[in-house]
Amino acid sequence: MTHPSPTRDTIVRSSLHRAGRLPVDPWTLGDDENLFDAGLSSHASVAVLVDLEESAQVEFPDHLLRRSTFSTIAAIRDALDHVSDTSAAVQPEASR
């Protein structure tokens, strides 16, 4: 039996839960609530980045390594969509 892959929202919120060290439960935050206002520190945002890269098996390019990328759940999800789409487009080329 195969298990469905988790949604991007689940991946993002799970990473925030594991690595974000937020004083609030990330599952209770709205998609557009400012994570830094909710207690996410710059150091914790780096931990979230690493956790996302490991759990989603992607790599964030340098141009996405900014505070705004990690300011909301929606922004992180959009960035994850971008790197996932980019990774999928690059993988066939790498297998040649």
Protein backbone atom coordinates (compact mmCIF):
# COMPACT_ATOMS: atom_id res chain seq x y z
CA MET A 1 0.00 0.00 0.00
CA THR A 2 1.39 3.41 -0.93
CA HIS A 3 0.89 6.45 1.22
CA PRO A 4 -0.02 9.77 -0.38
CA SER A 5 2.73 12.34 -0.26
CA PRO A 6 2.17 15.12 2.25
CA THR A 7 0.91 18.43 0.95
CA ARG A 8 3.23 21.41 0.75
CA ASP A 9 1.27 22.99 3.60
CA THR A 10 1.87 19.92 5.77
CA ILE A 11 5.58 19.93 4.91
CA VAL A 12 5.94 23.64 5.77
CA ARG A 13 3.97 23.50 9.01
CA SER A 14 5.74 20.30 10.10
CA SER A 15 9.13 21.93 9.49
CA LEU A 16 8.05 24.99 11.46
CA HIS A 17 6.89 22.69 14.26
CA ARG A 18 10.16 20.71 14.31
CA ALA A 19 12.68 23.48 13.74
CA GLY A 20 10.98 26.86 14.10
CA ARG A 21 11.03 27.06 17.89
CA LEU A 22 7.85 29.12 17.75
CA PRO A 23 6.04 29.92 21.00
CA VAL A 24 2.77 29.12 19.18
CA ASP A 25 1.62 26.02 17.34
CA PRO A 26 2.27 26.57 13.60
CA TRP A 27 -0.92 24.63 12.84
CA THR A 28 -2.92 27.49 14.42
CA LEU A 29 -1.34 30.25 12.30
CA GLY A 30 -2.98 31.69 9.21
CA ASP A 31 -1.20 31.37 5.89
CA ASP A 32 -0.42 35.10 5.77
CA GLU A 33 0.43 35.73 9.44
CA ASN A 34 3.93 37.12 9.89
CA LEU A 35 6.06 34.33 11.34
CA PHE A 36 8.64 36.75 12.73
CA ASP A 37 5.87 38.57 14.62
CA ALA A 38 4.74 35.14 15.87
CA GLY A 39 8.22 34.53 17.35
CA LEU A 40 10.34 33.02 14.56
CA SER A 41 13.94 34.17 14.95
CA SER A 42 16.49 34.55 12.17
CA HIS A 43 18.41 31.58 13.58
CA ALA A 44 15.27 29.45 13.67
CA SER A 45 14.44 30.41 10.07
CA VAL A 46 17.78 28.88 9.04
CA ALA A 47 16.88 25.71 10.96
CA VAL A 48 13.53 25.64 9.13
CA LEU A 49 15.36 26.05 5.81
CA VAL A 50 17.62 23.07 6.56
CA ASP A 51 14.68 20.99 7.75
CA LEU A 52 12.70 21.81 4.59
CA GLU A 53 15.64 20.94 2.35
CA GLU A 54 16.03 17.58 4.09
CA SER A 55 12.35 16.67 4.34
CA ALA A 56 11.38 17.82 0.83
CA GLN A 57 14.70 16.77 -0.73
CA VAL A 58 15.23 20.13 -2.42
CA GLU A 59 17.80 22.90 -2.29
CA PHE A 60 16.88 26.56 -1.95
CA PRO A 61 18.89 28.77 -4.33
CA ASP A 62 20.70 31.81 -2.99
CA HIS A 63 18.11 34.27 -4.34
CA LEU A 64 15.48 32.73 -2.04
CA LEU A 65 17.62 32.94 1.10
CA ARG A 66 16.01 36.11 2.43
CA ARG A 67 13.84 37.07 5.32
CA SER A 68 10.81 37.63 3.07
CA THR A 69 10.92 34.00 1.88
CA PHE A 70 10.32 32.84 5.45
CA SER A 71 7.99 35.63 6.59
CA THR A 72 4.72 33.69 6.19
CA ILE A 73 3.59 30.13 5.67
CA ALA A 74 2.27 31.14 2.24
CA ALA A 75 5.67 32.62 1.26
CA ILE A 76 7.51 29.47 2.36
CA ARG A 77 5.00 27.31 0.49
CA ASP A 78 5.47 29.42 -2.67
CA ALA A 79 9.26 29.12 -2.37
CA LEU A 80 8.96 25.37 -1.85
CA ASP A 81 6.74 25.15 -4.95
CA HIS A 82 9.39 27.07 -6.90
CA VAL A 83 12.32 24.89 -5.83
CA SER A 84 10.31 21.70 -6.25
CA ASP A 85 9.32 22.68 -9.79
CA THR A 86 12.92 23.62 -10.55
CA SER A 87 14.21 20.34 -9.10
CA ALA A 88 11.74 18.33 -11.15
CA ALA A 89 12.79 20.14 -14.31
CA VAL A 90 16.50 19.54 -13.62
CA GLN A 91 16.30 15.87 -12.63
CA PRO A 92 15.75 14.41 -16.12
CA GLU A 93 18.79 16.33 -17.37
CA ALA A 94 20.92 14.97 -14.52
CA SER A 95 20.04 11.37 -15.41
CA ARG A 96 21.57 11.63 -18.88
